[in-house]
């Protein structure tokens, strides 16, 4: 997710969203990778990676209270205003 290849980032984020779309153990597996800070950073990028990043974040916040707090602590709230005013309707809806 830290490389320059946007398509690879997009694919990796979709994979993380599918993994985290399950029970709390799956969500915890994504958190345990230590990658949530990078996912939060990618929410500020104007490209095709915003939607899968946002979907992954949405899956994580649907976990237990500790998991939700982990994504908040990683800086989610600093990106929310930008996302709520995003030019793409689908991003705002997500």
N, C-alpha and C. Protein backbone atom coordinates (compact mmCIF):
# COMPACT_ATOMS: atom_id res chain seq x y z
N UNK A 1 0.81 -1.21 0.00
CA UNK A 1 0.00 0.00 0.00
C UNK A 1 0.84 1.26 0.00
N UNK A 2 2.12 1.12 0.22
CA UNK A 2 2.99 2.30 0.25
C UNK A 2 3.69 2.54 -1.07
N UNK A 3 3.49 1.67 -2.03
CA UNK A 3 4.15 1.82 -3.32
C UNK A 3 3.46 2.84 -4.21
N UNK A 4 3.92 2.94 -5.43
CA UNK A 4 3.40 3.92 -6.38
C UNK A 4 2.34 3.36 -7.32
N UNK A 5 2.19 2.04 -7.36
CA UNK A 5 1.28 1.40 -8.28
C UNK A 5 -0.16 1.50 -7.76
N UNK A 6 -0.94 2.39 -8.36
CA UNK A 6 -2.31 2.64 -7.91
C UNK A 6 -3.18 1.40 -8.06
N UNK A 7 -3.02 0.68 -9.15
CA UNK A 7 -3.83 -0.53 -9.37
C UNK A 7 -3.54 -1.58 -8.30
N UNK A 8 -2.29 -1.75 -7.94
CA UNK A 8 -1.93 -2.71 -6.89
C UNK A 8 -2.50 -2.28 -5.55
N UNK A 9 -2.46 -0.97 -5.27
CA UNK A 9 -3.04 -0.46 -4.03
C UNK A 9 -4.54 -0.74 -4.00
N UNK A 10 -5.19 -0.46 -5.12
CA UNK A 10 -6.63 -0.68 -5.20
C UNK A 10 -6.96 -2.16 -4.95
N UNK A 11 -6.24 -3.05 -5.59
CA UNK A 11 -6.47 -4.48 -5.41
C UNK A 11 -6.23 -4.91 -3.96
N UNK A 12 -5.16 -4.41 -3.37
CA UNK A 12 -4.86 -4.75 -1.97
C UNK A 12 -5.95 -4.23 -1.03
N UNK A 13 -6.43 -3.02 -1.28
CA UNK A 13 -7.49 -2.47 -0.43
C UNK A 13 -8.79 -3.24 -0.58
N UNK A 14 -9.13 -3.64 -1.80
CA UNK A 14 -10.33 -4.47 -1.97
C UNK A 14 -10.16 -5.79 -1.23
N UNK A 15 -8.97 -6.38 -1.28
CA UNK A 15 -8.72 -7.63 -0.56
C UNK A 15 -8.91 -7.42 0.94
N UNK A 16 -8.39 -6.32 1.47
CA UNK A 16 -8.56 -6.03 2.90
C UNK A 16 -10.03 -5.79 3.24
N UNK A 17 -10.76 -5.18 2.32
CA UNK A 17 -12.18 -4.96 2.60
C UNK A 17 -12.93 -6.27 2.65
N UNK A 18 -12.57 -7.22 1.77
CA UNK A 18 -13.23 -8.53 1.79
C UNK A 18 -12.86 -9.31 3.05
N UNK A 19 -11.61 -9.24 3.45
CA UNK A 19 -11.17 -9.93 4.67
C UNK A 19 -11.88 -9.36 5.90
N UNK A 20 -11.97 -8.04 5.96
CA UNK A 20 -12.57 -7.39 7.14
C UNK A 20 -14.09 -7.41 7.14
N UNK A 21 -14.68 -7.89 6.07
CA UNK A 21 -16.14 -7.98 5.98
C UNK A 21 -16.58 -9.32 6.56
N UNK A 22 -16.43 -9.45 7.85
CA UNK A 22 -16.77 -10.71 8.50
C UNK A 22 -16.87 -10.50 9.99
N UNK A 23 -16.47 -11.49 10.70
CA UNK A 23 -16.57 -11.41 12.16
C UNK A 23 -15.42 -10.60 12.75
N UNK A 24 -15.47 -10.42 14.05
CA UNK A 24 -14.47 -9.61 14.73
C UNK A 24 -13.06 -10.18 14.59
N UNK A 25 -12.94 -11.48 14.45
CA UNK A 25 -11.61 -12.09 14.26
C UNK A 25 -10.99 -11.65 12.93
N UNK A 26 -11.81 -11.58 11.89
CA UNK A 26 -11.31 -11.12 10.59
C UNK A 26 -10.90 -9.65 10.68
N UNK A 27 -11.71 -8.85 11.33
CA UNK A 27 -11.39 -7.43 11.50
C UNK A 27 -10.10 -7.29 12.28
N UNK A 28 -9.95 -8.07 13.33
CA UNK A 28 -8.75 -8.00 14.15
C UNK A 28 -7.51 -8.40 13.35
N UNK A 29 -7.67 -9.35 12.45
CA UNK A 29 -6.54 -9.76 11.61
C UNK A 29 -6.04 -8.60 10.77
N UNK A 30 -6.95 -7.79 10.25
CA UNK A 30 -6.55 -6.61 9.48
C UNK A 30 -5.87 -5.59 10.39
N UNK A 31 -6.44 -5.34 11.55
CA UNK A 31 -5.84 -4.40 12.50
C UNK A 31 -4.44 -4.85 12.89
N UNK A 32 -4.29 -6.14 13.14
CA UNK A 32 -3.00 -6.68 13.59
C UNK A 32 -1.88 -6.53 12.55
N UNK A 33 -2.23 -6.30 11.31
CA UNK A 33 -1.19 -6.08 10.30
C UNK A 33 -0.46 -4.76 10.51
N UNK A 34 -1.09 -3.84 11.27
CA UNK A 34 -0.48 -2.53 11.50
C UNK A 34 -0.68 -1.57 10.34
N UNK A 35 -1.56 -1.89 9.44
CA UNK A 35 -1.72 -1.11 8.21
C UNK A 35 -2.81 -0.05 8.29
N UNK A 36 -3.57 0.02 9.39
CA UNK A 36 -4.72 0.93 9.38
C UNK A 36 -4.33 2.40 9.26
N UNK A 37 -3.18 2.77 9.76
CA UNK A 37 -2.72 4.15 9.59
C UNK A 37 -2.52 4.51 8.12
N UNK A 38 -1.99 3.58 7.36
CA UNK A 38 -1.79 3.79 5.92
C UNK A 38 -3.14 3.87 5.22
N UNK A 39 -4.08 3.03 5.62
CA UNK A 39 -5.42 3.06 5.02
C UNK A 39 -6.06 4.43 5.27
N UNK A 40 -5.92 4.94 6.47
CA UNK A 40 -6.47 6.26 6.79
C UNK A 40 -5.83 7.33 5.91
N UNK A 41 -4.52 7.27 5.73
CA UNK A 41 -3.83 8.23 4.87
C UNK A 41 -4.38 8.18 3.44
N UNK A 42 -4.67 7.00 2.96
CA UNK A 42 -5.16 6.84 1.59
C UNK A 42 -6.57 7.39 1.40
N UNK A 43 -7.29 7.62 2.49
CA UNK A 43 -8.60 8.24 2.37
C UNK A 43 -8.51 9.68 1.87
N UNK A 44 -7.34 10.29 1.99
CA UNK A 44 -7.16 11.65 1.53
C UNK A 44 -6.69 11.77 0.10
N UNK A 45 -6.53 10.65 -0.58
CA UNK A 45 -6.04 10.64 -1.95
C UNK A 45 -7.24 10.70 -2.90
N UNK A 46 -7.13 11.52 -3.91
CA UNK A 46 -8.20 11.64 -4.91
C UNK A 46 -7.96 10.64 -6.03
N UNK A 47 -8.48 9.46 -5.88
CA UNK A 47 -8.32 8.46 -6.93
C UNK A 47 -9.25 7.29 -6.69
N UNK A 48 -9.03 6.25 -7.46
CA UNK A 48 -9.88 5.06 -7.39
C UNK A 48 -9.66 4.25 -6.11
N UNK A 49 -8.70 4.63 -5.29
CA UNK A 49 -8.44 3.85 -4.07
C UNK A 49 -9.25 4.32 -2.88
N UNK A 50 -9.93 5.45 -3.00
CA UNK A 50 -10.71 5.97 -1.87
C UNK A 50 -11.84 5.01 -1.51
N UNK A 51 -12.56 4.51 -2.49
CA UNK A 51 -13.71 3.66 -2.20
C UNK A 51 -13.32 2.36 -1.48
N UNK A 52 -12.33 1.60 -1.97
CA UNK A 52 -11.99 0.39 -1.21
C UNK A 52 -11.36 0.70 0.16
N UNK A 53 -10.66 1.83 0.27
CA UNK A 53 -10.12 2.22 1.58
C UNK A 53 -11.26 2.53 2.54
N UNK A 54 -12.23 3.26 2.05
CA UNK A 54 -13.38 3.63 2.88
C UNK A 54 -14.21 2.39 3.25
N UNK A 55 -14.35 1.47 2.33
CA UNK A 55 -15.09 0.23 2.62
C UNK A 55 -14.39 -0.56 3.71
N UNK A 56 -13.06 -0.62 3.65
CA UNK A 56 -12.29 -1.32 4.68
C UNK A 56 -12.46 -0.66 6.03
N UNK A 57 -12.38 0.66 6.06
CA UNK A 57 -12.57 1.41 7.30
C UNK A 57 -13.98 1.16 7.85
N UNK A 58 -14.97 1.19 6.97
CA UNK A 58 -16.35 0.93 7.40
C UNK A 58 -16.50 -0.45 8.02
N UNK A 59 -15.84 -1.42 7.45
CA UNK A 59 -15.89 -2.77 8.02
C UNK A 59 -15.24 -2.80 9.40
N UNK A 60 -14.14 -2.10 9.55
CA UNK A 60 -13.44 -2.10 10.84
C UNK A 60 -14.27 -1.42 11.91
N UNK A 61 -14.88 -0.29 11.58
CA UNK A 61 -15.67 0.41 12.61
C UNK A 61 -16.93 -0.37 12.99
N UNK A 62 -17.31 -1.34 12.17
CA UNK A 62 -18.47 -2.17 12.53
C UNK A 62 -18.10 -3.30 13.48
N UNK A 63 -16.84 -3.38 13.83
CA UNK A 63 -16.38 -4.41 14.76
C UNK A 63 -16.72 -4.05 16.20
N UNK A 64 -15.99 -4.64 17.12
CA UNK A 64 -16.26 -4.36 18.53
C UNK A 64 -15.73 -2.98 18.92
N UNK A 65 -16.00 -2.57 20.15
CA UNK A 65 -15.63 -1.22 20.60
C UNK A 65 -14.12 -0.97 20.53
N UNK A 66 -13.32 -1.95 20.85
CA UNK A 66 -11.86 -1.80 20.81
C UNK A 66 -11.39 -1.61 19.37
N UNK A 67 -11.98 -2.34 18.45
CA UNK A 67 -11.61 -2.21 17.04
C UNK A 67 -12.04 -0.86 16.48
N UNK A 68 -13.22 -0.42 16.84
CA UNK A 68 -13.69 0.90 16.41
C UNK A 68 -12.76 1.98 16.96
N UNK A 69 -12.37 1.86 18.22
CA UNK A 69 -11.47 2.84 18.82
C UNK A 69 -10.11 2.83 18.13
N UNK A 70 -9.65 1.66 17.70
CA UNK A 70 -8.35 1.57 17.02
C UNK A 70 -8.35 2.39 15.74
N UNK A 71 -9.42 2.34 14.98
CA UNK A 71 -9.46 3.09 13.73
C UNK A 71 -9.62 4.59 14.00
N UNK A 72 -10.33 4.94 15.04
CA UNK A 72 -10.43 6.35 15.44
C UNK A 72 -9.07 6.86 15.88
N UNK A 73 -8.38 6.08 16.69
CA UNK A 73 -7.05 6.46 17.18
C UNK A 73 -6.04 6.59 16.03
N UNK A 74 -6.27 5.88 14.95
CA UNK A 74 -5.37 5.94 13.78
C UNK A 74 -5.57 7.22 12.97
N UNK A 75 -6.58 8.03 13.32
CA UNK A 75 -6.75 9.31 12.66
C UNK A 75 -7.96 9.43 11.75
N UNK A 76 -8.92 8.53 11.89
CA UNK A 76 -10.08 8.56 11.01
C UNK A 76 -10.82 9.89 11.03
N UNK A 77 -11.00 10.46 12.19
CA UNK A 77 -11.82 11.67 12.29
C UNK A 77 -11.21 12.84 11.52
N UNK A 78 -9.90 12.86 11.39
CA UNK A 78 -9.25 13.95 10.64
C UNK A 78 -9.58 13.90 9.15
N UNK A 79 -10.03 12.75 8.66
CA UNK A 79 -10.38 12.59 7.24
C UNK A 79 -11.88 12.72 6.97
N UNK A 80 -12.68 12.67 8.02
CA UNK A 80 -14.13 12.59 7.82
C UNK A 80 -14.73 13.82 7.13
N UNK A 81 -14.31 15.01 7.50
CA UNK A 81 -14.90 16.21 6.89
C UNK A 81 -14.65 16.20 5.38
N UNK A 82 -13.44 15.87 5.01
CA UNK A 82 -13.10 15.79 3.58
C UNK A 82 -14.01 14.77 2.87
N UNK A 83 -14.20 13.64 3.49
CA UNK A 83 -15.01 12.58 2.87
C UNK A 83 -16.48 12.97 2.79
N UNK A 84 -16.97 13.67 3.79
CA UNK A 84 -18.38 14.09 3.79
C UNK A 84 -18.67 15.14 2.73
N UNK A 85 -17.62 15.81 2.26
CA UNK A 85 -17.77 16.83 1.22
C UNK A 85 -17.09 16.41 -0.08
N UNK A 86 -16.85 15.12 -0.22
CA UNK A 86 -16.17 14.60 -1.41
C UNK A 86 -17.01 14.88 -2.65
N UNK A 87 -16.37 15.22 -3.77
CA UNK A 87 -17.13 15.51 -4.99
C UNK A 87 -17.90 14.31 -5.56
N UNK A 88 -17.44 13.11 -5.26
CA UNK A 88 -18.13 11.91 -5.76
C UNK A 88 -19.22 11.49 -4.78
N UNK A 89 -20.44 11.44 -5.29
CA UNK A 89 -21.59 11.07 -4.46
C UNK A 89 -21.41 9.69 -3.81
N UNK A 90 -20.88 8.75 -4.56
CA UNK A 90 -20.72 7.39 -4.03
C UNK A 90 -19.76 7.35 -2.84
N UNK A 91 -18.76 8.21 -2.84
CA UNK A 91 -17.84 8.26 -1.70
C UNK A 91 -18.59 8.82 -0.50
N UNK A 92 -19.36 9.88 -0.68
CA UNK A 92 -20.14 10.44 0.42
C UNK A 92 -21.13 9.42 0.96
N UNK A 93 -21.74 8.65 0.08
CA UNK A 93 -22.71 7.65 0.48
C UNK A 93 -22.04 6.52 1.27
N UNK A 94 -20.88 6.12 0.84
CA UNK A 94 -20.15 5.02 1.48
C UNK A 94 -19.83 5.38 2.91
